[in-house]
Amino acid sequence: MVHDGPVSAEDLENYETDMELALYREYRDVVRLFAYVVETERRFYLANNVDLQVRSAAGEVYFELSLSDAWVWDVYRSKRFVKSVRVVTFKDVNVEELVQAELEL
Protein backbone atom coordinates (compact mmCIF):
# COMPACT_ATOMS: atom_id res chain seq x y z
CA MET A 1 0.00 0.00 0.00
CA VAL A 2 1.41 3.37 -1.03
CA HIS A 3 0.25 6.61 0.51
CA ASP A 4 1.49 10.14 0.17
CA GLY A 5 1.01 11.30 3.76
CA PRO A 6 3.57 11.29 6.54
CA VAL A 7 4.64 7.93 7.94
CA SER A 8 3.12 7.25 11.33
CA ALA A 9 4.89 5.67 14.29
CA GLU A 10 2.59 2.66 13.84
CA ASP A 11 3.65 2.32 10.18
CA LEU A 12 7.32 2.33 11.22
CA GLU A 13 6.71 -0.18 14.00
CA ASN A 14 4.84 -2.51 11.62
CA TYR A 15 7.64 -2.20 9.04
CA GLU A 16 10.31 -3.04 11.62
CA THR A 17 8.28 -6.00 12.90
CA ASP A 18 7.88 -7.32 9.35
CA MET A 19 11.62 -6.91 8.70
CA GLU A 20 12.54 -8.74 11.93
CA LEU A 21 10.14 -11.58 11.13
CA ALA A 22 11.62 -11.92 7.62
CA LEU A 23 15.13 -11.97 9.11
CA TYR A 24 14.15 -14.69 11.60
CA ARG A 25 12.66 -16.77 8.79
CA GLU A 26 15.86 -16.37 6.75
CA TYR A 27 17.92 -17.42 9.79
CA ARG A 28 15.73 -20.49 10.28
CA ASP A 29 16.22 -21.43 6.61
CA VAL A 30 20.02 -20.99 6.54
CA VAL A 31 21.19 -22.08 10.00
CA ARG A 32 21.62 -25.70 8.90
CA LEU A 33 24.21 -24.55 6.32
CA PHE A 34 26.66 -23.42 9.03
CA ALA A 35 28.89 -25.05 11.64
CA TYR A 36 29.20 -22.22 14.20
CA VAL A 37 27.16 -19.54 15.92
CA VAL A 38 29.24 -16.50 16.89
CA GLU A 39 28.02 -13.69 19.13
CA THR A 40 29.83 -10.42 19.76
CA GLU A 41 28.60 -7.33 21.59
CA ARG A 42 27.45 -5.83 18.29
CA ARG A 43 26.51 -8.70 15.97
CA PHE A 44 25.36 -12.29 15.67
CA TYR A 45 26.90 -14.48 12.96
CA LEU A 46 26.65 -17.94 11.51
CA ALA A 47 29.93 -19.20 10.02
CA ASN A 48 31.65 -22.30 8.74
CA ASN A 49 35.18 -21.23 9.71
CA VAL A 50 36.08 -19.37 12.91
CA ASP A 51 39.50 -18.26 14.14
CA LEU A 52 39.52 -16.55 17.54
CA GLN A 53 42.80 -15.09 18.82
CA VAL A 54 43.39 -13.46 22.20
CA ARG A 55 45.75 -10.50 21.84
CA SER A 56 47.20 -7.89 24.13
CA ALA A 57 48.59 -4.43 23.57
CA ALA A 58 49.56 -1.77 26.12
CA GLY A 59 48.31 -4.02 28.91
CA GLU A 60 44.85 -4.41 27.38
CA VAL A 61 43.51 -7.80 26.30
CA TYR A 62 41.34 -7.93 23.18
CA PHE A 63 39.94 -10.51 20.80
CA GLU A 64 40.59 -10.77 17.09
CA LEU A 65 37.97 -12.84 15.35
CA SER A 66 38.14 -13.98 11.72
CA LEU A 67 35.13 -15.65 10.12
CA SER A 68 34.73 -16.99 6.62
CA ASP A 69 31.73 -18.28 4.74
CA ALA A 70 29.43 -16.33 7.06
CA TRP A 71 25.92 -14.96 7.46
CA VAL A 72 25.25 -11.79 9.45
CA TRP A 73 22.13 -11.22 11.57
CA ASP A 74 21.42 -7.62 10.60
CA VAL A 75 17.97 -6.46 9.57
CA TYR A 76 19.42 -3.44 7.72
CA ARG A 77 21.85 -5.33 5.45
CA SER A 78 20.62 -6.11 1.96
CA LYS A 79 23.19 -8.91 1.60
CA ARG A 80 23.75 -11.00 4.71
CA PHE A 81 26.02 -13.69 3.20
CA VAL A 82 29.64 -12.56 3.40
CA LYS A 83 32.90 -14.18 2.28
CA SER A 84 34.90 -13.01 5.30
CA VAL A 85 34.49 -10.95 8.46
CA ARG A 86 37.14 -9.56 10.81
CA VAL A 87 36.11 -8.33 14.25
CA VAL A 88 38.38 -6.75 16.85
CA THR A 89 36.76 -6.25 20.23
CA PHE A 90 37.54 -5.72 23.91
CA LYS A 91 34.18 -7.31 24.81
CA ASP A 92 33.28 -10.97 25.23
CA VAL A 93 32.97 -13.24 22.20
CA ASN A 94 30.87 -16.39 22.31
CA VAL A 95 31.53 -19.20 19.78
CA GLU A 96 29.35 -22.29 19.77
CA GLU A 97 29.60 -25.27 17.47
CA LEU A 98 26.24 -26.27 16.07
CA VAL A 99 25.19 -29.89 16.38
CA GLN A 100 23.82 -30.97 13.03
CA ALA A 101 21.05 -33.54 13.04
CA GLU A 102 22.17 -36.89 11.70
CA LEU A 103 21.57 -37.26 7.98
CA GLU A 104 18.66 -39.49 7.14
CA LEU A 105 19.41 -42.01 4.41
C-alpha atoms as a PDB file:
ATOM      1  CA  MET A   1       0.000   0.000   0.000  1.00  0.00           C
ATOM      2  CA  VAL A   2       1.408   3.371  -1.034  1.00  0.00           C
ATOM      3  CA  HIS A   3       0.247   6.606   0.507  1.00  0.00           C
ATOM      4  CA  ASP A   4       1.488  10.138   0.170  1.00  0.00           C
ATOM      5  CA  GLY A   5       1.009  11.298   3.760  1.00  0.00           C
ATOM      6  CA  PRO A   6       3.566  11.285   6.544  1.00  0.00           C
ATOM      7  CA  VAL A   7       4.644   7.933   7.938  1.00  0.00           C
ATOM      8  CA  SER A   8       3.118   7.246  11.328  1.00  0.00           C
ATOM      9  CA  ALA A   9       4.887   5.671  14.287  1.00  0.00           C
ATOM     10  CA  GLU A  10       2.591   2.663  13.845  1.00  0.00           C
ATOM     11  CA  ASP A  11       3.646   2.319  10.180  1.00  0.00           C
ATOM     12  CA  LEU A  12       7.315   2.330  11.216  1.00  0.00           C
ATOM     13  CA  GLU A  13       6.708  -0.176  13.998  1.00  0.00           C
ATOM     14  CA  ASN A  14       4.842  -2.513  11.624  1.00  0.00           C
ATOM     15  CA  TYR A  15       7.640  -2.199   9.043  1.00  0.00           C
ATOM     16  CA  GLU A  16      10.311  -3.045  11.624  1.00  0.00           C
ATOM     17  CA  THR A  17       8.277  -5.998  12.904  1.00  0.00           C
ATOM     18  CA  ASP A  18       7.883  -7.319   9.352  1.00  0.00           C
ATOM     19  CA  MET A  19      11.622  -6.914   8.697  1.00  0.00           C
ATOM     20  CA  GLU A  20      12.544  -8.745  11.930  1.00  0.00           C
ATOM     21  CA  LEU A  21      10.145 -11.577  11.126  1.00  0.00           C
ATOM     22  CA  ALA A  22      11.615 -11.922   7.619  1.00  0.00           C
ATOM     23  CA  LEU A  23      15.127 -11.974   9.112  1.00  0.00           C
ATOM     24  CA  TYR A  24      14.150 -14.688  11.596  1.00  0.00           C
ATOM     25  CA  ARG A  25      12.663 -16.771   8.786  1.00  0.00           C
ATOM     26  CA  GLU A  26      15.856 -16.371   6.752  1.00  0.00           C
ATOM     27  CA  TYR A  27      17.924 -17.423   9.785  1.00  0.00           C
ATOM     28  CA  ARG A  28      15.726 -20.493  10.277  1.00  0.00           C
ATOM     29  CA  ASP A  29      16.221 -21.427   6.611  1.00  0.00           C
ATOM     30  CA  VAL A  30      20.019 -20.988   6.538  1.00  0.00           C
ATOM     31  CA  VAL A  31      21.188 -22.076  10.003  1.00  0.00           C
ATOM     32  CA  ARG A  32      21.623 -25.702   8.897  1.00  0.00           C
ATOM     33  CA  LEU A  33      24.213 -24.553   6.323  1.00  0.00           C
ATOM     34  CA  PHE A  34      26.658 -23.419   9.029  1.00  0.00           C
ATOM     35  CA  ALA A  35      28.892 -25.054  11.642  1.00  0.00           C
ATOM     36  CA  TYR A  36      29.203 -22.224  14.202  1.00  0.00           C
ATOM     37  CA  VAL A  37      27.159 -19.535  15.923  1.00  0.00           C
ATOM     38  CA  VAL A  38      29.236 -16.501  16.894  1.00  0.00           C
ATOM     39  CA  GLU A  39      28.018 -13.689  19.126  1.00  0.00           C
ATOM     40  CA  THR A  40      29.827 -10.420  19.764  1.00  0.00           C
ATOM     41  CA  GLU A  41      28.597  -7.334  21.594  1.00  0.00           C
ATOM     42  CA  ARG A  42      27.449  -5.832  18.290  1.00  0.00           C
ATOM     43  CA  ARG A  43      26.512  -8.701  15.974  1.00  0.00           C
ATOM     44  CA  PHE A  44      25.355 -12.285  15.674  1.00  0.00           C
ATOM     45  CA  TYR A  45      26.901 -14.476  12.962  1.00  0.00           C
ATOM     46  CA  LEU A  46      26.652 -17.937  11.505  1.00  0.00           C
ATOM     47  CA  ALA A  47      29.929 -19.198  10.017  1.00  0.00           C
ATOM     48  CA  ASN A  48      31.654 -22.303   8.741  1.00  0.00           C
ATOM     49  CA  ASN A  49      35.176 -21.231   9.707  1.00  0.00           C
ATOM     50  CA  VAL A  50      36.077 -19.368  12.913  1.00  0.00           C
ATOM     51  CA  ASP A  51      39.495 -18.258  14.141  1.00  0.00           C
ATOM     52  CA  LEU A  52      39.523 -16.546  17.544  1.00  0.00           C
ATOM     53  CA  GLN A  53      42.802 -15.093  18.817  1.00  0.00           C
ATOM     54  CA  VAL A  54      43.393 -13.463  22.198  1.00  0.00           C
ATOM     55  CA  ARG A  55      45.749 -10.503  21.837  1.00  0.00           C
ATOM     56  CA  SER A  56      47.197  -7.887  24.125  1.00  0.00           C
ATOM     57  CA  ALA A  57      48.586  -4.427  23.572  1.00  0.00           C
ATOM     58  CA  ALA A  58      49.556  -1.774  26.121  1.00  0.00           C
ATOM     59  CA  GLY A  59      48.308  -4.020  28.912  1.00  0.00           C
ATOM     60  CA  GLU A  60      44.845  -4.409  27.378  1.00  0.00           C
ATOM     61  CA  VAL A  61      43.508  -7.796  26.299  1.00  0.00           C
ATOM     62  CA  TYR A  62      41.342  -7.927  23.185  1.00  0.00           C
ATOM     63  CA  PHE A  63      39.944 -10.513  20.801  1.00  0.00           C
ATOM     64  CA  GLU A  64      40.589 -10.767  17.091  1.00  0.00           C
ATOM     65  CA  LEU A  65      37.971 -12.838  15.346  1.00  0.00           C
ATOM     66  CA  SER A  66      38.136 -13.976  11.721  1.00  0.00           C
ATOM     67  CA  LEU A  67      35.133 -15.653  10.116  1.00  0.00           C
ATOM     68  CA  SER A  68      34.731 -16.993   6.624  1.00  0.00           C
ATOM     69  CA  ASP A  69      31.726 -18.276   4.744  1.00  0.00           C
ATOM     70  CA  ALA A  70      29.430 -16.334   7.064  1.00  0.00           C
ATOM     71  CA  TRP A  71      25.915 -14.964   7.459  1.00  0.00           C
ATOM     72  CA  VAL A  72      25.253 -11.790   9.455  1.00  0.00           C
ATOM     73  CA  TRP A  73      22.128 -11.224  11.571  1.00  0.00           C
ATOM     74  CA  ASP A  74      21.424  -7.616  10.597  1.00  0.00           C
ATOM     75  CA  VAL A  75      17.973  -6.463   9.572  1.00  0.00           C
ATOM     76  CA  TYR A  76      19.417  -3.440   7.716  1.00  0.00           C
ATOM     77  CA  ARG A  77      21.846  -5.329   5.446  1.00  0.00           C
ATOM     78  CA  SER A  78      20.621  -6.113   1.959  1.00  0.00           C
ATOM     79  CA  LYS A  79      23.195  -8.915   1.601  1.00  0.00           C
ATOM     80  CA  ARG A  80      23.754 -10.998   4.706  1.00  0.00           C
ATOM     81  CA  PHE A  81      26.018 -13.687   3.202  1.00  0.00           C
ATOM     82  CA  VAL A  82      29.644 -12.558   3.400  1.00  0.00           C
ATOM     83  CA  LYS A  83      32.895 -14.177   2.283  1.00  0.00           C
ATOM     84  CA  SER A  84      34.902 -13.015   5.304  1.00  0.00           C
ATOM     85  CA  VAL A  85      34.493 -10.951   8.456  1.00  0.00           C
ATOM     86  CA  ARG A  86      37.139  -9.564  10.810  1.00  0.00           C
ATOM     87  CA  VAL A  87      36.111  -8.334  14.250  1.00  0.00           C
ATOM     88  CA  VAL A  88      38.384  -6.748  16.847  1.00  0.00           C
ATOM     89  CA  THR A  89      36.758  -6.251  20.233  1.00  0.00           C
ATOM     90  CA  PHE A  90      37.537  -5.723  23.909  1.00  0.00           C
ATOM     91  CA  LYS A  91      34.182  -7.306  24.815  1.00  0.00           C
ATOM     92  CA  ASP A  92      33.275 -10.965  25.232  1.00  0.00           C
ATOM     93  CA  VAL A  93      32.966 -13.237  22.204  1.00  0.00           C
ATOM     94  CA  ASN A  94      30.868 -16.395  22.308  1.00  0.00           C
ATOM     95  CA  VAL A  95      31.526 -19.195  19.784  1.00  0.00           C
ATOM     96  CA  GLU A  96      29.346 -22.293  19.768  1.00  0.00           C
ATOM     97  CA  GLU A  97      29.598 -25.268  17.470  1.00  0.00           C
ATOM     98  CA  LEU A  98      26.241 -26.267  16.073  1.00  0.00           C
ATOM     99  CA  VAL A  99      25.194 -29.890  16.376  1.00  0.00           C
ATOM    100  CA  GLN A 100      23.823 -30.971  13.034  1.00  0.00           C
ATOM    101  CA  ALA A 101      21.053 -33.535  13.037  1.00  0.00           C
ATOM    102  CA  GLU A 102      22.169 -36.889  11.702  1.00  0.00           C
ATOM    103  CA  LEU A 103      21.573 -37.260   7.982  1.00  0.00           C
ATOM    104  CA  GLU A 104      18.658 -39.487   7.136  1.00  0.00           C
ATOM    105  CA  LEU A 105      19.407 -42.010   4.415  1.00  0.00           C
END
